[in-house]
Protein backbone atom coordinates (compact mmCIF):
# COMPACT_ATOMS: atom_id res chain seq x y z
CA UNK A 1 9.54 45.73 -17.58
CA UNK A 2 9.01 42.45 -15.74
CA UNK A 3 10.67 40.22 -13.21
CA UNK A 4 10.45 36.44 -13.22
CA UNK A 5 8.00 36.77 -10.32
CA UNK A 6 5.50 38.01 -12.93
CA UNK A 7 4.79 34.43 -14.01
CA UNK A 8 1.18 33.41 -14.51
CA UNK A 9 -1.01 30.39 -15.14
CA UNK A 10 -4.40 30.66 -16.82
CA UNK A 11 -6.91 28.11 -18.02
CA UNK A 12 -10.30 27.66 -19.67
CA UNK A 13 -12.50 24.69 -20.50
CA UNK A 14 -12.38 23.63 -24.16
CA UNK A 15 -15.48 22.95 -26.22
CA UNK A 16 -13.47 20.68 -28.55
CA UNK A 17 -10.63 18.51 -27.30
CA UNK A 18 -7.23 19.90 -28.27
CA UNK A 19 -8.61 23.13 -29.79
CA UNK A 20 -6.68 26.01 -28.24
CA UNK A 21 -9.01 28.43 -26.47
CA UNK A 22 -8.19 31.83 -24.96
CA UNK A 23 -7.74 31.40 -21.21
CA UNK A 24 -10.13 33.23 -18.87
CA UNK A 25 -9.25 32.08 -15.30
CA UNK A 26 -6.01 33.01 -13.52
CA UNK A 27 -5.40 31.56 -10.07
CA UNK A 28 -2.81 32.93 -7.70
CA UNK A 29 -0.94 29.64 -7.94
CA UNK A 30 1.92 28.63 -5.64
CA UNK A 31 3.65 26.04 -7.83
CA UNK A 32 3.58 24.60 -11.35
CA UNK A 33 5.61 21.92 -13.13
CA UNK A 34 4.04 21.82 -16.62
CA UNK A 35 6.49 20.28 -19.09
CA UNK A 36 6.60 19.11 -22.70
CA UNK A 37 7.54 15.45 -23.15
CA UNK A 38 8.52 13.34 -26.15
CA UNK A 39 10.07 9.97 -26.83
CA UNK A 40 13.35 10.04 -28.75
CA UNK A 41 14.00 7.00 -30.93
CA UNK A 42 17.57 6.45 -32.13
CA UNK A 43 18.67 3.90 -34.73
CA UNK A 44 20.34 0.76 -33.49
CA UNK A 45 21.68 -0.03 -36.96
CA UNK A 46 25.35 -0.64 -37.72
CA UNK A 47 27.21 1.62 -40.17
CA UNK A 48 30.86 1.10 -41.01
CA UNK A 49 33.02 3.96 -39.77
CA UNK A 50 30.33 5.38 -37.42
CA UNK A 51 31.26 5.22 -33.73
CA UNK A 52 28.39 7.31 -32.25
CA UNK A 53 24.69 7.71 -32.93
CA UNK A 54 24.00 9.61 -36.15
CA UNK A 55 21.84 12.74 -36.18
CA UNK A 56 19.83 11.80 -39.30
CA UNK A 57 18.80 8.52 -37.66
CA UNK A 58 17.11 10.23 -34.72
CA UNK A 59 13.32 10.65 -34.68
CA UNK A 60 10.59 11.79 -32.30
CA UNK A 61 8.02 9.18 -31.30
CA UNK A 62 5.11 10.05 -29.01
CA UNK A 63 4.59 13.66 -27.88
CA UNK A 64 2.59 14.96 -24.94
CA UNK A 65 2.76 17.35 -21.99
CA UNK A 66 2.22 16.87 -18.28
CA UNK A 67 2.71 18.48 -14.90
CA UNK A 68 1.08 19.86 -11.78
CA UNK A 69 -0.57 23.08 -10.66
CA UNK A 70 -0.91 23.81 -6.94
CA UNK A 71 -2.94 26.65 -5.46
CA UNK A 72 -4.52 27.81 -2.23
CA UNK A 73 -8.29 27.36 -2.18
CA UNK A 74 -10.14 30.66 -2.38
CA UNK A 75 -13.83 31.50 -2.23
CA UNK A 76 -13.94 32.72 -5.84
CA UNK A 77 -12.37 31.49 -9.05
CA UNK A 78 -11.37 28.01 -7.85
CA UNK A 79 -14.46 26.14 -9.04
CA UNK A 80 -12.84 25.39 -12.39
CA UNK A 81 -10.07 23.44 -10.62
CA UNK A 82 -12.54 21.50 -8.46
CA UNK A 83 -14.54 20.67 -11.59
CA UNK A 84 -11.40 19.45 -13.33
CA UNK A 85 -10.42 17.33 -10.31
CA UNK A 86 -13.78 15.71 -9.59
CA UNK A 87 -15.17 15.76 -13.11
CA UNK A 88 -18.74 17.11 -12.88
CA UNK A 89 -20.25 20.35 -11.60
CA UNK A 90 -23.56 22.16 -11.15
CA UNK A 91 -24.27 25.71 -10.01
CA UNK A 92 -27.49 26.78 -8.28
CA UNK A 93 -28.72 30.19 -7.18
CA UNK A 94 -29.25 30.81 -3.47
CA UNK A 95 -30.43 34.05 -1.91
CA UNK A 96 -28.94 36.73 -4.18
CA UNK A 97 -26.08 37.24 -4.79
CA UNK A 98 -24.92 33.84 -3.48
CA UNK A 99 -24.52 30.63 -5.46
CA UNK A 100 -23.80 27.02 -4.50
CA UNK A 101 -21.50 24.98 -6.72
CA UNK A 102 -21.59 21.20 -6.27
CA UNK A 103 -18.74 19.08 -7.65
CA UNK A 104 -19.18 15.32 -7.97
CA UNK A 105 -17.25 12.39 -9.40
CA UNK A 106 -17.95 12.11 -13.14
CA UNK A 107 -19.33 8.77 -14.30
CA UNK A 108 -19.38 9.30 -18.07
CA UNK A 109 -17.09 10.13 -20.95
CA UNK A 110 -15.92 12.42 -22.41
CA UNK A 111 -13.55 13.77 -19.79
CA UNK A 112 -13.41 17.57 -19.59
CA UNK A 113 -10.45 19.10 -21.40
CA UNK A 114 -8.86 22.51 -20.89
CA UNK A 115 -6.41 24.93 -22.43
CA UNK A 116 -3.72 26.01 -19.96
CA UNK A 117 -1.33 28.87 -20.65
CA UNK A 118 1.64 29.63 -18.45
CA UNK A 119 3.68 32.77 -18.92
CA UNK A 120 7.33 32.93 -17.89
CA UNK A 121 9.13 36.31 -18.24
CA UNK A 122 12.66 36.36 -19.60
CA UNK A 123 15.32 37.19 -17.05
CA UNK A 124 16.27 40.84 -16.99
CA UNK A 125 12.85 42.36 -17.56
CA UNK A 126 12.15 40.73 -20.91
CA UNK A 127 8.79 39.88 -22.44
CA UNK A 128 6.59 37.19 -20.95
CA UNK A 129 6.99 33.97 -22.93
CA UNK A 130 3.71 32.05 -23.38
CA UNK A 131 3.58 28.25 -23.20
CA UNK A 132 0.11 27.09 -24.19
CA UNK A 133 -1.02 23.52 -23.48
CA UNK A 134 -4.20 22.36 -25.19
CA UNK A 135 -6.14 19.15 -24.70
CA UNK A 136 -5.23 19.24 -21.01
CA UNK A 137 -7.06 16.75 -18.78
CA UNK A 138 -6.80 16.45 -15.01
CA UNK A 139 -5.55 12.94 -14.28
CA UNK A 140 -5.39 13.14 -10.49
CA UNK A 141 -5.14 15.56 -7.62
CA UNK A 142 -5.28 16.17 -3.91
CA UNK A 143 -7.07 18.46 -1.46
CA UNK A 144 -5.12 19.01 1.76
CA UNK A 145 -5.76 20.79 5.02
CA UNK A 146 -2.61 20.71 7.15
CA UNK A 147 -2.51 21.72 10.79
CA UNK A 148 -2.84 25.50 11.04
CA UNK A 149 -2.50 25.99 7.28
CA UNK A 150 -4.46 27.22 4.26
CA UNK A 151 -6.46 24.61 2.33
CA UNK A 152 -4.57 23.64 -0.83
CA UNK A 153 -5.58 21.98 -4.09
CA UNK A 154 -3.03 20.23 -6.29
CA UNK A 155 -4.02 19.02 -9.77
CA UNK A 156 -1.98 16.87 -12.16
CA UNK A 157 -2.47 17.22 -15.91
CA UNK A 158 -1.91 15.35 -19.18
CA UNK A 159 -2.07 17.51 -22.32
CA UNK A 160 -2.17 16.73 -26.01
CA UNK A 161 0.28 19.39 -27.18
CA UNK A 162 2.32 22.49 -26.43
CA UNK A 163 2.38 25.64 -28.54
CA UNK A 164 4.71 28.62 -28.05
CA UNK A 165 3.24 30.83 -30.79
CA UNK A 166 -0.19 31.51 -29.29
CA UNK A 167 -0.25 35.09 -28.02
CA UNK A 168 0.06 35.70 -24.30
CA UNK A 169 -3.18 36.66 -22.55
CA UNK A 170 -2.60 39.20 -19.79
CA UNK A 171 -3.98 37.90 -16.47
CA UNK A 172 -6.99 39.44 -14.76
CA UNK A 173 -7.21 38.60 -11.07
CA UNK A 174 -10.19 38.46 -8.73
CA UNK A 175 -10.34 41.20 -6.11
CA UNK A 176 -11.09 40.63 -2.41
CA UNK A 177 -10.81 36.86 -2.67
CA UNK A 178 -10.91 35.06 0.69
CA UNK A 179 -8.92 31.92 1.45
CA UNK A 180 -10.21 28.89 3.35
CA UNK A 181 -7.98 27.83 6.22
CA UNK A 182 -7.61 25.43 9.15
CA UNK A 183 -9.20 27.50 11.92
CA UNK A 184 -12.43 27.82 9.90
CA UNK A 185 -12.78 24.03 9.73
CA UNK A 186 -15.13 21.61 11.49
CA UNK A 187 -14.95 17.82 11.15
CA UNK A 188 -17.74 15.25 11.36
CA UNK A 189 -16.98 11.51 11.34
CA UNK A 190 -19.66 8.83 11.67
CA UNK A 191 -23.24 9.11 12.75
CA UNK A 192 -26.07 9.96 10.38
CA UNK A 193 -25.11 12.64 7.86
CA UNK A 194 -27.74 14.14 5.57
CA UNK A 195 -26.34 14.44 2.04
CA UNK A 196 -26.17 17.86 0.39
CA UNK A 197 -28.59 18.95 -2.29
CA UNK A 198 -28.21 21.51 -5.06
CA UNK A 199 -28.97 24.31 -2.58
CA UNK A 200 -28.22 22.84 0.87
CA UNK A 201 -25.07 21.77 2.64
CA UNK A 202 -24.55 18.35 4.16
CA UNK A 203 -25.51 18.30 7.85
CA UNK A 204 -25.60 16.03 10.88
CA UNK A 205 -23.28 13.26 12.00
CA UNK A 206 -20.93 13.16 14.96
CA UNK A 207 -18.74 16.23 15.39
CA UNK A 208 -15.18 15.45 16.46
CA UNK A 209 -12.59 17.83 17.87
CA UNK A 210 -9.56 15.57 17.78
CA UNK A 211 -8.59 15.67 14.06
CA UNK A 212 -5.39 17.58 13.31
CA UNK A 213 -5.11 17.33 9.52
CA UNK A 214 -6.86 15.87 6.49
CA UNK A 215 -6.09 15.03 2.89
CA UNK A 216 -8.09 13.52 0.05
CA UNK A 217 -6.47 12.13 -3.13
CA UNK A 218 -8.37 11.35 -6.33
CA UNK A 219 -6.60 9.31 -9.02
CA UNK A 220 -8.73 8.93 -12.14
CA UNK A 221 -6.33 6.37 -13.63
CA UNK A 222 -7.31 7.69 -17.06
CA UNK A 223 -6.36 5.84 -20.22
CA UNK A 224 -3.96 8.37 -21.74
CA UNK A 225 -2.74 6.08 -24.52
CA UNK A 226 -4.75 7.55 -27.37
CA UNK A 227 -1.76 7.62 -29.73
CA UNK A 228 -2.98 6.39 -33.12
CA UNK A 229 -1.94 6.67 -36.75
CA UNK A 230 -2.87 10.05 -38.17
CA UNK A 231 -2.23 11.90 -34.93
CA UNK A 232 1.29 13.01 -35.80
CA UNK A 233 2.64 11.36 -32.69
CA UNK A 234 0.16 13.17 -30.44
CA UNK A 235 -2.91 11.76 -28.73
CA UNK A 236 -5.67 11.72 -31.31
CA UNK A 237 -8.40 11.13 -28.74
CA UNK A 238 -8.86 12.55 -25.28
CA UNK A 239 -8.07 10.37 -22.23
CA UNK A 240 -10.87 8.00 -21.24
CA UNK A 241 -12.36 6.97 -17.92
CA UNK A 242 -11.30 3.80 -16.05
CA UNK A 243 -11.90 2.70 -12.44
CA UNK A 244 -10.73 5.40 -10.03
CA UNK A 245 -8.85 5.19 -6.74
CA UNK A 246 -9.94 7.67 -4.05
CA UNK A 247 -8.04 7.61 -0.79
CA UNK A 248 -7.33 9.86 2.15
CA UNK A 249 -5.42 10.40 5.37
CA UNK A 250 -6.05 12.11 8.66
CA UNK A 251 -4.30 12.43 12.00
CA UNK A 252 -6.32 12.32 15.21
CA UNK A 253 -5.59 12.44 18.90
CA UNK A 254 -6.55 9.25 20.71
CA UNK A 255 -9.41 10.56 22.84
CA UNK A 256 -12.04 8.10 21.62
CA UNK A 257 -12.16 4.60 20.17
CA UNK A 258 -14.28 5.47 17.12
CA UNK A 259 -11.51 5.32 14.53
CA UNK A 260 -9.73 2.39 16.18
CA UNK A 261 -12.89 0.28 16.29
CA UNK A 262 -13.88 1.21 12.76
CA UNK A 263 -10.51 -0.11 11.60
CA UNK A 264 -10.63 -3.30 13.67
CA UNK A 265 -14.22 -4.10 12.69
CA UNK A 266 -13.99 -2.71 9.15
CA UNK A 267 -17.19 -0.76 9.58
CA UNK A 268 -18.15 2.11 7.29
CA UNK A 269 -18.03 5.74 8.35
CA UNK A 270 -19.22 8.93 6.71
CA UNK A 271 -16.98 12.02 6.72
CA UNK A 272 -17.87 15.69 6.48
CA UNK A 273 -15.34 18.53 6.55
CA UNK A 274 -16.66 22.09 6.43
CA UNK A 275 -14.80 25.41 6.25
CA UNK A 276 -17.01 28.43 6.97
CA UNK A 277 -15.70 31.96 6.70
CA UNK A 278 -16.99 35.00 8.58
CA UNK A 279 -17.91 36.71 5.31
CA UNK A 280 -21.66 36.73 4.83
CA UNK A 281 -22.86 36.54 1.22
CA UNK A 282 -26.57 36.78 2.02
CA UNK A 283 -28.80 36.18 5.05
CA UNK A 284 -27.40 33.13 6.90
CA UNK A 285 -25.19 32.25 3.88
CA UNK A 286 -21.41 32.47 4.23
CA UNK A 287 -18.40 31.70 2.07
CA UNK A 288 -18.18 27.92 2.57
CA UNK A 289 -16.17 24.97 1.34
CA UNK A 290 -17.34 21.47 2.19
CA UNK A 291 -16.22 17.92 1.45
CA UNK A 292 -18.80 15.17 1.93
CA UNK A 293 -17.80 11.49 1.73
CA UNK A 294 -20.67 9.08 2.45
CA UNK A 295 -18.61 5.88 2.83
CA UNK A 296 -15.04 5.25 3.93
CA UNK A 297 -13.28 2.21 5.33
CA UNK A 298 -10.23 2.97 7.45
CA UNK A 299 -6.78 1.45 7.60
CA UNK A 300 -4.25 1.45 10.48
CA UNK A 301 -2.73 2.28 12.71
CA UNK A 302 -3.41 1.31 16.30
CA UNK A 303 -2.43 3.92 18.88
CA UNK A 304 1.01 3.47 20.38
CA UNK A 305 2.32 4.72 23.72
CA UNK A 306 4.44 7.85 23.56
CA UNK A 307 5.91 10.44 25.89
CA UNK A 308 3.39 13.00 24.64
CA UNK A 309 -0.18 13.00 23.38
CA UNK A 310 -0.99 9.73 21.60
CA UNK A 311 -2.00 10.25 17.99
CA UNK A 312 -3.35 7.97 15.29
CA UNK A 313 -2.37 8.23 11.64
CA UNK A 314 -5.43 6.98 9.79
CA UNK A 315 -5.55 6.10 6.09
CA UNK A 316 -8.86 5.42 4.42
CA UNK A 317 -10.39 4.25 1.15
CA UNK A 318 -13.40 6.01 -0.33
CA UNK A 319 -15.91 3.42 -1.53
CA UNK A 320 -19.17 3.29 -3.46
CA UNK A 321 -22.00 2.76 -1.02
CA UNK A 322 -24.36 1.56 -3.75
CA UNK A 323 -26.91 4.31 -3.09
CA UNK A 324 -26.25 6.29 -6.27
CA UNK A 325 -24.69 9.14 -4.28
CA UNK A 326 -21.35 10.44 -5.53
CA UNK A 327 -18.44 8.91 -3.56
CA UNK A 328 -17.21 12.48 -3.00
CA UNK A 329 -19.05 15.78 -3.19
CA UNK A 330 -17.21 19.09 -2.86
CA UNK A 331 -19.26 22.24 -2.36
CA UNK A 332 -18.46 25.92 -2.70
CA UNK A 333 -20.79 28.68 -1.52
CA UNK A 334 -19.53 31.66 -3.43
CA UNK A 335 -20.33 34.81 -5.36
CA UNK A 336 -19.31 33.05 -8.59
CA UNK A 337 -22.38 32.49 -10.74
CA UNK A 338 -20.84 29.50 -12.52
CA UNK A 339 -17.64 27.49 -12.68
């Protein structure tokens, strides 16, 4: 017997776009909005004696699926979502049993595609009903660290098709899986930051203690219009790369002029946000999540007088510094051997 709290979401990377693959990763997700979409086309033709639209003159045009998956970032099992969001990944062995996974912005086609299966139990203890989306591509997403909260990752998806006949795969969850959260975080803005390598974290820069929250949004602006003859109304090719938009926001207390002056002078800053847990994986290696951004340019606002502590709400654009370094690198130090 089940309850409707026994819902699940699983996914796996596909080797061939749109070919349904048995899912192998099940996050403890906190929200999903995956839906099937189609365009209904109804005749506009006149017919004597007909006062409403006629059923036999109704057809389905384009068909696709889309929606979001949101989860809390954990030390194990979340690499597949970071890979989907950024686009490229590499895993390197550290001192056993630890690994470092580096995720960077993909610069080539084809875009990774995934099979996603969500299971929704029928009300009253009925069987779990599988909804399997194949040809799923991450179109955009956001990493957020709110004041005092757990780090969250939200991914948005476009999928080629939905199938309700593929058998449900029972979830298998990771045991003893630590979350990354606000009080583990340390922020660096400006100064000279040494970029990460395959086996080292980013280091250096100017540590700041006045940042209250942080978010990073990646919009791939993919071309999802691969609807061609022969595709049966579905996308016959996977979405393709176009120019991305990467932006962010942070809130800081006004205890220095660094962010104000960077905005006024439109100077570049580097950003490094690191979450380090107390769990040691190997000698001097801990569960770690890091975001390294080599070049940002900030937007407003100027600090304004208030009855309390003056804060600045800072937006920023992530830009290409021309050095060949990824505009964003996310890093996981984990026990996972691969994504």
